[in-house]
Each structure stands twice: as structure tokens, then as C-alpha cells.
Amino acid sequence: MYTIKRAAEQVGISESTLRAWERRYGVGATQRTASGYRLYDGRDLHALGLMRALIDDGWPAQAAADEMRRRMASEERRPAPVDSGAEDGDDTAALIRVAAALDAPALGALLDRQFGAASFEAVADRWLLPALHALGAAWKSQQITVAGEHMAAHAITRRLSAAYDAAGDNLMGPRLLIGLPPGARHELGLLAFATAARRAGLSTIYLGADVPTAEWITAATTGAVGEVSCAVLAAPTEADASAVREIAEALRAARPDLLVAVGGSAQESAPPWCVRLGHQVGPGAAFLAERLAAARPT
């Protein structure tokens, strides 16, 4: 059991916020001592963490409280035919197990638990991106089928798309083009970065996967999208590196003033004048937001 002070520390919010959530939305401690002090158990902390994550993702507080209750009730009703791995914390192994079993309900519970436990950026960097690498390796080693890999990837895509929409678009912020080069289709890491960029106060135009070079130039130079400050490309594999270099050079020729930033496993293969975003979406988005803010005229 946790006191309100300890619960606030665990969830990462203030004690006054905990009291306000309980007073306004009925979200809080389920038990009290004989003296009336609040006591929080593990389920309470899970609910509070989920509500905080939803609010961080842009949900209004009342809607977040309602959605939290829906997800908590769904978890309690759902059977668990595949061990979720919650006891040892190995949710990466759990992801592979549920994908192998084509267990969509267990996959939904796993994603609910992960994205309800911390901020979007923390979950993406600490668990999601490494877990996606493990999922790909499991497919290559035939631990899971193509169907299982596709089921997991589409479920994660839907979750990331919802977070991207919930983050909203700061139309007053520096505007980014975000996409992959021709032939590149591994966009989950890029979509996670686009979401983190929105949450960092940037305006984003998400182009997605397999974007031809000519379309990059059109998007960067057309007046219809407003003045684009930066183009963000990803090189998920070494096979994508030459296409990224081609687009970067073409953008530089068309828009010498345009900042070009590159992420992904093969980002070091980009031209030396490109900005490297590193391998974590949270710090990468924060760094880019600071860089663009510093370059903006006041």
C-alpha cells in the first residue's frame, strides 16, 4: 500500500493533482486508514498511471478518466489464454507470444498496460522500439508467422495513429515534413517520432512510407503547405541509405535554407551536413524542437 505522497511520486504528478482527480473525476484511492488517510494499492497506481498517460497524449481530463475506466474494466473482463509476462516484466517476450498465438485481446491488454504506465516518449523508447526489433527477429527466425507479425504491427500502428491524432497539431510551431524514402516501408519508428514531435510543439505533415524523391521536392516547395522549416527522413536499414542521400541532396538543391534531419538505424550514412536525431524519439524530438526554435526569427 502507498501513501498519497508515495503514490504521487510513483505516478509522477503532484499530491494536489491526485486530490483534484479524486474530487472532480472520482479517480483515486480505493481505501483509507481509520484516520481517513488515503491508501493506494497496485491497481490504483495502474489506473492513475493510465489516466496520466492519456492526458499526456492530449485527452481532456474527463475523457481520460472515462477511457481509463473502460480500459480497466476491459482488462478485468478479458481472459488470459497466453501468459502476458506481467509478473517478470518481460513484455517484449509477451509481445512475441501473443503474436505467435494470434491473440488479439491479449495484445490489446499488453499495449494498454504499456502505454498506461508512463509517458508516450518513455514507452516508445524504453519498450516499443526495442520490442519491434525483437518482433522482426522472431519473424525472421520463424518463431512467429507473417500473419502474427502483421497482426501485431497493425495493432501498434493503430495505437500510434491514435496518439498522433490526440497530440494535435501546433500550427504556430515550426513545420516539419516527415516521411520515408522510396522503397522504405518500416514506418512505426517514424510515426512514433512524428507523435513525439507534435507533443514537443512542432507542426507536422506526415508523408508516411515509400515517398518518391519528386514528391519530397513538391512538398517542400509548394505554397499550399506553408513554409516548411525541416524535412525529417528515416533510414531504417542500410538498404535505405542511398535513397535518403538522394532525397537530402535534392532537397538541398531545391531549398538551400531547409534543415534536413535524419533518424533510423542507418542515419550515419546520410550526408554529413544533415542533422542526426539519434535513436530515441523523445530526446530526438526535443532536440529538434530546440534547434528550430533557436533558428526562428522572434
Protein backbone atom coordinates (compact mmCIF):
# COMPACT_ATOMS: atom_id res chain seq x y z
CA MET A 1 0.00 0.00 0.00
CA TYR A 2 1.13 3.54 -0.74
CA THR A 3 0.52 6.88 0.95
CA ILE A 4 -0.59 9.79 -1.20
CA LYS A 5 2.94 11.18 -1.19
CA ARG A 6 4.43 7.90 -2.37
CA ALA A 7 1.64 7.37 -4.94
CA ALA A 8 2.26 10.83 -6.37
CA GLU A 9 5.96 10.03 -6.71
CA GLN A 10 5.20 6.72 -8.42
CA VAL A 11 2.79 8.25 -10.95
CA GLY A 12 4.85 11.41 -11.48
CA ILE A 13 2.25 14.02 -10.56
CA SER A 14 1.66 16.25 -7.55
CA GLU A 15 -0.38 15.36 -4.46
CA SER A 16 -2.71 18.27 -5.22
CA THR A 17 -3.38 16.82 -8.68
CA LEU A 18 -4.21 13.44 -7.13
CA ARG A 19 -6.68 15.10 -4.78
CA ALA A 20 -8.21 17.09 -7.66
CA TRP A 21 -8.64 13.96 -9.78
CA GLU A 22 -10.41 12.22 -6.93
CA ARG A 23 -12.66 15.19 -6.21
CA ARG A 24 -13.55 16.01 -9.83
CA TYR A 25 -13.44 12.66 -11.63
CA GLY A 26 -13.68 10.02 -8.91
CA VAL A 27 -10.20 8.69 -9.72
CA GLY A 28 -8.02 7.95 -6.73
CA ALA A 29 -7.51 5.84 -3.64
CA THR A 30 -9.91 2.96 -3.06
CA GLN A 31 -9.00 2.60 0.62
CA ARG A 32 -8.45 4.82 3.65
CA THR A 33 -7.00 4.32 7.08
CA ALA A 34 -9.12 4.61 10.22
CA SER A 35 -7.87 8.18 10.48
CA GLY A 36 -9.06 8.97 6.96
CA TYR A 37 -5.71 8.98 5.16
CA ARG A 38 -5.73 7.76 1.56
CA LEU A 39 -4.08 4.42 0.72
CA TYR A 40 -3.29 3.35 -2.84
CA ASP A 41 -2.76 -0.23 -3.97
CA GLY A 42 -1.19 -1.51 -7.18
CA ARG A 43 -4.44 -1.34 -9.11
CA ASP A 44 -4.96 2.27 -8.05
CA LEU A 45 -1.48 3.18 -9.29
CA HIS A 46 -2.11 1.41 -12.58
CA ALA A 47 -5.34 3.39 -13.06
CA LEU A 48 -3.65 6.68 -12.16
CA GLY A 49 -0.71 5.94 -14.46
CA LEU A 50 -3.09 5.16 -17.30
CA MET A 51 -5.00 8.39 -16.77
CA ARG A 52 -1.81 10.41 -16.68
CA ALA A 53 -0.61 8.79 -19.93
CA LEU A 54 -3.91 9.60 -21.64
CA ILE A 55 -3.74 13.23 -20.50
CA ASP A 56 -0.12 13.42 -21.69
CA ASP A 57 -1.35 12.15 -25.06
CA GLY A 58 -3.77 15.09 -25.29
CA TRP A 59 -7.03 13.66 -23.87
CA PRO A 60 -9.21 16.08 -21.84
CA ALA A 61 -9.23 15.06 -18.17
CA GLN A 62 -12.85 13.89 -18.04
CA ALA A 63 -12.48 11.91 -21.27
CA ALA A 64 -9.24 10.42 -19.93
CA ALA A 65 -11.00 9.32 -16.75
CA ASP A 66 -13.80 7.67 -18.75
CA GLU A 67 -11.35 5.95 -21.09
CA MET A 68 -9.23 4.77 -18.16
CA ARG A 69 -12.28 3.14 -16.57
CA ARG A 70 -13.19 1.49 -19.88
CA ARG A 71 -9.71 0.03 -20.25
CA MET A 72 -9.53 -1.10 -16.63
CA ALA A 73 -12.90 -2.82 -16.95
CA SER A 74 -11.80 -4.43 -20.21
CA GLU A 75 -8.66 -5.80 -18.56
CA GLU A 76 -10.68 -7.29 -15.71
CA ARG A 77 -13.17 -8.99 -18.07
CA ARG A 78 -10.60 -10.30 -20.53
CA PRO A 79 -9.41 -13.88 -20.19
CA ALA A 80 -5.69 -14.51 -20.49
CA PRO A 81 -5.13 -17.60 -22.65
CA VAL A 82 -1.50 -16.52 -23.19
CA ASP A 83 0.72 -15.56 -20.26
CA SER A 84 1.20 -11.81 -20.52
CA GLY A 85 4.59 -11.77 -18.84
CA ALA A 86 3.43 -9.17 -16.33
CA GLU A 87 4.99 -10.94 -13.34
CA ASP A 88 8.56 -10.77 -14.64
CA GLY A 89 8.02 -7.56 -16.58
CA ASP A 90 9.07 -9.19 -19.85
CA ASP A 91 6.54 -7.54 -22.11
CA THR A 92 8.83 -7.93 -25.11
CA ALA A 93 8.66 -11.71 -24.79
CA ALA A 94 4.92 -11.34 -24.17
CA LEU A 95 4.54 -9.43 -27.45
CA ILE A 96 6.16 -12.30 -29.34
CA ARG A 97 4.00 -14.86 -27.55
CA VAL A 98 0.72 -13.12 -28.29
CA ALA A 99 1.76 -12.54 -31.91
CA ALA A 100 2.63 -16.23 -32.27
CA ALA A 101 -0.75 -17.18 -30.80
CA LEU A 102 -2.66 -14.58 -32.87
CA ASP A 103 -4.20 -13.49 -29.56
CA ALA A 104 -5.60 -10.04 -30.37
CA PRO A 105 -7.29 -9.49 -26.96
CA ALA A 106 -4.05 -10.25 -25.09
CA LEU A 107 -2.17 -7.93 -27.45
CA GLY A 108 -4.65 -5.16 -26.69
CA ALA A 109 -4.19 -5.68 -22.96
CA LEU A 110 -0.41 -5.63 -23.36
CA LEU A 111 -0.49 -2.33 -25.25
CA ASP A 112 -2.94 -0.85 -22.75
CA ARG A 113 -0.64 -1.79 -19.90
CA GLN A 114 2.48 -0.40 -21.56
CA PHE A 115 1.01 2.90 -22.76
CA GLY A 116 -0.77 3.35 -19.45
CA ALA A 117 2.41 3.02 -17.40
CA ALA A 118 4.40 6.08 -18.48
CA SER A 119 4.59 8.96 -20.95
CA PHE A 120 4.37 8.24 -24.66
CA GLU A 121 8.05 9.03 -25.20
CA ALA A 122 9.19 6.82 -22.32
CA VAL A 123 7.15 3.84 -23.55
CA ALA A 124 8.29 4.30 -27.16
CA ASP A 125 11.99 4.48 -26.28
CA ARG A 126 12.13 2.10 -23.34
CA TRP A 127 9.93 -0.66 -24.71
CA LEU A 128 8.20 -0.23 -28.07
CA LEU A 129 11.14 0.34 -30.43
CA PRO A 130 13.31 -2.43 -28.91
CA ALA A 131 10.26 -4.73 -28.88
CA LEU A 132 9.68 -4.08 -32.59
CA HIS A 133 13.24 -5.14 -33.34
CA ALA A 134 12.67 -8.32 -31.34
CA LEU A 135 9.41 -8.92 -33.20
CA GLY A 136 11.19 -8.64 -36.54
CA ALA A 137 13.88 -11.04 -35.40
CA ALA A 138 11.22 -13.50 -34.25
CA TRP A 139 9.62 -13.36 -37.70
CA LYS A 140 12.96 -13.95 -39.43
CA SER A 141 13.65 -16.96 -37.19
CA GLN A 142 10.11 -18.26 -37.86
CA GLN A 143 9.08 -18.02 -34.22
CA ILE A 144 6.03 -16.17 -35.49
CA THR A 145 4.21 -16.27 -38.81
CA VAL A 146 3.68 -13.46 -41.28
CA ALA A 147 0.09 -13.30 -40.02
CA GLY A 148 1.24 -12.89 -36.43
CA GLU A 149 3.75 -10.19 -37.34
CA HIS A 150 1.13 -8.32 -39.38
CA MET A 151 -1.46 -8.56 -36.60
CA ALA A 152 0.96 -7.05 -34.07
CA ALA A 153 2.24 -4.37 -36.47
CA HIS A 154 -1.27 -3.22 -37.42
CA ALA A 155 -2.37 -3.08 -33.77
CA ILE A 156 0.67 -0.97 -32.90
CA THR A 157 0.06 1.24 -35.95
CA ARG A 158 -3.49 1.92 -34.78
CA ARG A 159 -2.24 2.76 -31.28
CA LEU A 160 0.43 5.13 -32.61
CA SER A 161 -2.02 6.76 -35.04
CA ALA A 162 -4.44 7.44 -32.19
CA ALA A 163 -1.65 9.01 -30.13
CA TYR A 164 -0.56 11.11 -33.13
CA ASP A 165 -4.10 12.42 -33.62
CA ALA A 166 -4.58 13.02 -29.90
CA ALA A 167 -1.39 15.10 -29.74
CA GLY A 168 -2.95 17.70 -32.06
CA ASP A 169 -1.02 19.90 -34.47
CA ASN A 170 0.57 23.13 -33.27
CA LEU A 171 0.04 25.23 -36.39
CA MET A 172 2.03 28.07 -34.86
CA GLY A 173 5.11 25.88 -34.38
CA PRO A 174 7.91 25.16 -36.88
CA ARG A 175 6.57 22.89 -39.63
CA LEU A 176 8.11 19.53 -40.48
CA LEU A 177 7.78 17.13 -43.39
CA ILE A 178 8.18 13.60 -42.04
CA GLY A 179 8.49 10.53 -44.23
CA LEU A 180 10.47 7.62 -45.64
CA PRO A 181 12.41 7.40 -48.90
CA PRO A 182 11.29 5.34 -51.90
CA GLY A 183 11.17 1.62 -51.15
CA ALA A 184 11.24 2.06 -47.36
CA ARG A 185 8.16 0.74 -45.58
CA HIS A 186 9.16 0.28 -41.92
CA GLU A 187 7.39 3.36 -40.60
CA LEU A 188 6.43 2.54 -37.00
CA GLY A 189 9.52 4.23 -35.55
CA LEU A 190 8.92 7.25 -37.79
CA LEU A 191 5.26 7.50 -36.71
CA ALA A 192 6.39 7.35 -33.07
CA PHE A 193 8.82 10.20 -33.77
CA ALA A 194 6.09 12.23 -35.51
CA THR A 195 3.90 11.84 -32.43
CA ALA A 196 6.73 12.93 -30.12
CA ALA A 197 7.40 15.91 -32.42
CA ARG A 198 3.79 17.07 -32.13
CA ARG A 199 3.97 16.67 -28.36
CA ALA A 200 7.15 18.81 -28.41
CA GLY A 201 5.19 21.68 -30.01
CA LEU A 202 6.07 21.14 -33.66
CA SER A 203 3.68 21.18 -36.62
CA THR A 204 3.93 18.01 -38.68
CA ILE A 205 3.00 16.92 -42.19
CA TYR A 206 3.28 13.13 -42.08
CA LEU A 207 4.02 11.76 -45.55
CA GLY A 208 4.45 8.12 -44.47
CA ALA A 209 6.30 5.35 -46.26
CA ASP A 210 7.76 4.99 -49.76
CA VAL A 211 7.69 8.66 -50.82
CA PRO A 212 9.31 9.36 -54.23
CA THR A 213 12.04 11.99 -54.40
CA ALA A 214 10.00 14.25 -56.68
CA GLU A 215 7.16 14.27 -54.15
CA TRP A 216 9.54 15.34 -51.39
CA ILE A 217 10.58 18.32 -53.50
CA THR A 218 6.98 19.24 -54.28
CA ALA A 219 6.00 19.04 -50.62
CA ALA A 220 8.97 21.18 -49.56
CA THR A 221 8.40 23.90 -52.14
CA THR A 222 4.63 24.17 -52.58
CA GLY A 223 2.92 27.15 -51.01
CA ALA A 224 -0.12 25.08 -50.10
CA VAL A 225 1.54 23.61 -47.01
CA GLY A 226 3.05 26.87 -45.83
CA GLU A 227 6.73 27.39 -45.13
CA VAL A 228 8.32 24.09 -44.18
CA SER A 229 11.24 24.52 -41.75
CA CYS A 230 12.62 20.99 -41.75
CA ALA A 231 12.40 17.68 -43.58
CA VAL A 232 12.74 14.58 -41.39
CA LEU A 233 13.72 11.35 -43.12
CA ALA A 234 14.46 7.95 -41.69
CA ALA A 235 16.90 5.31 -42.89
CA PRO A 236 15.60 2.20 -41.10
CA THR A 237 18.15 -0.08 -42.86
CA GLU A 238 21.39 0.25 -44.82
CA ALA A 239 19.37 -0.58 -47.94
CA ASP A 240 17.55 2.77 -47.46
CA ALA A 241 20.72 4.86 -47.12
CA SER A 242 21.30 5.65 -50.81
CA ALA A 243 17.69 6.84 -51.27
CA VAL A 244 17.97 9.04 -48.18
CA ARG A 245 21.16 10.60 -49.56
CA GLU A 246 19.46 11.24 -52.91
CA ILE A 247 16.48 12.97 -51.29
CA ALA A 248 18.67 15.01 -48.95
CA GLU A 249 20.79 16.31 -51.84
CA ALA A 250 17.70 17.06 -53.93
CA LEU A 251 16.10 18.98 -51.06
CA ARG A 252 19.28 20.95 -50.53
CA ALA A 253 19.34 21.94 -54.19
CA ALA A 254 15.66 22.97 -54.17
CA ARG A 255 15.62 24.61 -50.73
CA PRO A 256 19.13 25.53 -49.53
CA ASP A 257 17.60 27.05 -46.40
CA LEU A 258 15.78 23.85 -45.41
CA LEU A 259 17.07 21.90 -42.43
CA VAL A 260 17.26 18.16 -43.20
CA ALA A 261 17.24 15.78 -40.23
CA VAL A 262 17.70 12.02 -40.37
CA GLY A 263 16.89 9.22 -37.92
CA GLY A 264 16.87 5.45 -38.09
CA SER A 265 19.48 2.72 -37.75
CA ALA A 266 21.43 3.86 -40.84
CA GLN A 267 21.30 7.61 -40.16
CA GLU A 268 25.10 7.90 -40.14
CA SER A 269 25.03 7.15 -43.88
CA ALA A 270 23.24 10.45 -44.57
CA PRO A 271 25.25 13.41 -45.94
CA PRO A 272 27.45 14.97 -43.24
CA TRP A 273 25.54 18.25 -43.25
CA CYS A 274 22.29 16.55 -42.18
CA VAL A 275 21.21 16.71 -38.54
CA ARG A 276 21.33 13.32 -36.80
CA LEU A 277 18.38 12.70 -34.49
CA GLY A 278 19.83 9.76 -32.58
CA HIS A 279 17.99 6.55 -31.84
CA GLN A 280 15.37 7.68 -29.31
CA VAL A 281 12.22 9.52 -30.34
CA GLY A 282 11.76 11.56 -27.14
CA PRO A 283 15.23 13.17 -26.98
CA GLY A 284 15.32 13.44 -30.78
CA ALA A 285 12.05 15.37 -30.96
CA ALA A 286 13.03 17.61 -28.04
CA PHE A 287 16.42 18.36 -29.62
CA LEU A 288 14.85 19.22 -32.97
CA ALA A 289 12.25 21.46 -31.34
CA GLU A 290 15.00 23.37 -29.53
CA ARG A 291 17.10 23.63 -32.69
CA LEU A 292 14.21 25.01 -34.76
CA ALA A 293 13.06 27.37 -32.02
CA ALA A 294 16.54 28.84 -31.76
CA ALA A 295 16.66 29.38 -35.53
CA ARG A 296 13.24 31.05 -35.72
CA PRO A 297 13.07 34.84 -36.02
CA THR A 298 11.48 36.45 -32.97
